[in-house]
Protein backbone atom coordinates (compact mmCIF):
# COMPACT_ATOMS: atom_id res chain seq x y z
CA MET A 1 -3.74 27.61 -6.71
CA THR A 2 -6.38 26.82 -4.09
CA GLY A 3 -5.49 26.53 -0.44
CA SER A 4 -7.10 24.02 1.88
CA ASP A 5 -8.56 26.89 3.88
CA GLY A 6 -10.82 28.15 1.07
CA TRP A 7 -8.43 30.80 -0.25
CA ILE A 8 -6.84 31.18 -3.67
CA ALA A 9 -3.28 32.53 -3.64
CA VAL A 10 -2.81 35.65 -5.76
CA SER A 11 -0.22 38.39 -6.02
CA ARG A 12 -1.49 41.73 -7.26
CA GLY A 13 -2.07 45.32 -6.28
CA LEU A 14 -5.39 46.64 -5.02
CA THR A 15 -8.16 47.33 -7.52
CA ALA A 16 -9.66 50.82 -7.55
CA ASP A 17 -12.80 49.44 -5.84
CA GLU A 18 -10.79 47.71 -3.11
CA ARG A 19 -8.75 50.86 -2.44
CA ARG A 20 -11.91 52.99 -2.30
CA VAL A 21 -13.63 50.63 0.14
CA LEU A 22 -10.55 50.31 2.36
CA ARG A 23 -10.21 54.11 2.54
CA TRP A 24 -13.88 54.43 3.47
CA LEU A 25 -13.59 51.74 6.14
CA LEU A 26 -10.52 53.42 7.67
CA THR A 27 -12.35 56.72 7.96
CA ILE A 28 -16.13 56.60 8.08
CA GLY A 29 -16.45 52.85 8.72
CA ALA A 30 -14.10 53.00 11.70
CA GLU A 31 -16.14 55.84 13.19
CA ILE A 32 -19.40 53.91 12.71
CA SER A 33 -17.77 50.86 14.33
CA GLY A 34 -16.64 52.87 17.34
CA THR A 35 -12.94 52.37 16.56
CA ALA A 36 -10.64 55.18 17.64
CA MET A 37 -10.33 57.30 14.50
CA GLN A 38 -6.70 58.15 15.18
CA ARG A 39 -5.89 54.45 15.31
CA ALA A 40 -7.72 53.61 12.08
CA THR A 41 -6.53 56.58 10.03
CA ALA A 42 -2.92 55.76 10.97
CA PHE A 43 -3.25 52.90 8.46
CA LEU A 44 -4.16 55.16 5.50
CA PRO A 45 -0.53 55.53 4.26
CA GLN A 46 -0.42 51.75 3.80
CA LEU A 47 -2.99 51.81 0.97
CA ASP A 48 -0.34 52.57 -1.66
CA GLN A 49 1.92 49.76 -0.42
CA LEU A 50 -0.57 46.88 -0.07
CA ARG A 51 -0.60 43.69 -2.10
CA VAL A 52 -3.48 41.27 -2.34
CA THR A 53 -2.09 37.83 -1.46
CA GLY A 54 -5.28 35.80 -1.43
CA ARG A 55 -8.96 35.85 -2.31
CA CYS A 56 -11.85 33.77 -1.11
CA ILE A 57 -12.82 30.78 -3.23
CA CYS A 58 -16.59 31.26 -2.68
CA GLY A 59 -16.96 34.27 -4.98
CA CYS A 60 -17.22 36.96 -2.32
CA PRO A 61 -14.80 39.90 -2.56
CA SER A 62 -12.88 38.97 0.65
CA ILE A 63 -9.11 39.44 0.32
CA ASP A 64 -5.94 38.83 2.31
CA LEU A 65 -3.44 41.69 2.36
CA ALA A 66 0.30 42.10 2.81
CA LEU A 67 2.31 45.28 3.24
CA GLU A 68 5.24 45.73 0.86
CA THR A 69 7.36 47.74 3.32
CA SER A 70 7.83 47.57 7.07
CA GLN A 71 8.41 51.34 7.23
CA LEU A 72 4.65 51.94 7.36
CA LEU A 73 3.84 49.58 10.25
CA VAL A 74 1.52 51.04 12.89
CA ASP A 75 3.26 49.88 16.06
CA ASP A 76 2.16 46.28 16.59
CA ALA A 77 -1.53 47.11 16.14
CA SER A 78 -3.84 44.15 15.60
CA GLY A 79 -7.59 43.65 15.64
CA THR A 80 -10.76 44.82 13.94
CA LEU A 81 -10.61 48.37 12.57
CA ALA A 82 -14.11 48.49 11.07
CA ASP A 83 -17.18 46.25 11.11
CA VAL A 84 -20.17 47.57 9.16
CA ASP A 85 -23.33 46.33 7.45
CA GLY A 86 -24.89 47.44 4.18
CA CYS A 87 -25.81 46.11 0.75
CA SER A 88 -23.96 45.12 -2.39
CA PRO A 89 -24.68 46.36 -5.92
CA GLU A 90 -26.49 43.07 -6.55
CA GLY A 91 -28.86 43.76 -3.65
CA PRO A 92 -28.04 41.30 -0.86
CA ALA A 93 -27.31 42.55 2.63
CA VAL A 94 -23.59 42.30 3.30
CA GLY A 95 -21.10 42.87 6.08
CA LEU A 96 -17.58 44.27 5.78
CA ILE A 97 -14.87 43.70 8.36
CA LEU A 98 -11.39 45.25 8.06
CA ARG A 99 -8.63 43.76 10.20
CA ALA A 100 -5.02 44.56 11.04
CA LYS A 101 -2.34 42.21 12.29
CA GLY A 102 1.19 43.02 13.38
CA GLY A 103 0.85 46.68 12.47
CA HIS A 104 -0.46 46.30 8.91
CA LEU A 105 -3.81 45.88 7.21
CA SER A 106 -4.21 42.13 6.93
CA GLY A 107 -7.58 41.44 5.41
CA LEU A 108 -10.98 42.55 4.24
CA GLU A 109 -13.80 40.14 4.98
CA ALA A 110 -16.92 40.67 2.89
CA TYR A 111 -19.85 38.35 3.50
CA ALA A 112 -23.45 38.08 2.35
CA ARG A 113 -25.90 37.96 5.24
CA ASP A 114 -28.17 35.62 3.24
CA GLY A 115 -25.28 33.52 1.92
CA VAL A 116 -25.84 34.47 -1.74
CA VAL A 117 -22.57 34.73 -3.68
CA PRO A 118 -20.98 36.00 -5.78
CA PHE A 119 -21.42 39.69 -5.05
CA SER A 120 -19.40 42.86 -5.50
CA LEU A 121 -18.06 45.48 -3.12
CA PRO A 122 -20.51 48.31 -2.39
CA THR A 123 -20.46 51.44 -4.55
CA ASP A 124 -19.85 54.91 -3.10
CA GLU A 125 -23.60 55.48 -2.84
CA GLN A 126 -24.09 52.17 -1.04
CA LEU A 127 -21.17 52.92 1.29
CA ALA A 128 -22.89 56.18 2.23
CA SER A 129 -25.93 54.16 3.29
CA PHE A 130 -23.79 52.27 5.84
CA GLY A 131 -23.78 55.36 8.03
């Protein structure tokens, strides 16, 4: 099903790559972005309870997230937790933005700086180059 806002509704758990990238963004990416580490790492327990509820129609790896339990909410925290630049396995320069809304991780935006899609999430080696 395609939404009018450019998103395709899905219902699934995180892939291993998504989980790896989210963990990196909550730790190293948050530090690079100047986000308070204590604030960002407070979201780490949510990784095992996240569901992907939407993905971008354009072919980028952007996803919408929902938390399966309210027990892991981080107060009413909202905003950008990490905003970093790097490159994808295919080569284009990309940006990654991790956001929270209402105390839970709400979405990962991944975009190509040159507009070339599709592309994949960065590998561990490419994530290391973000720093």
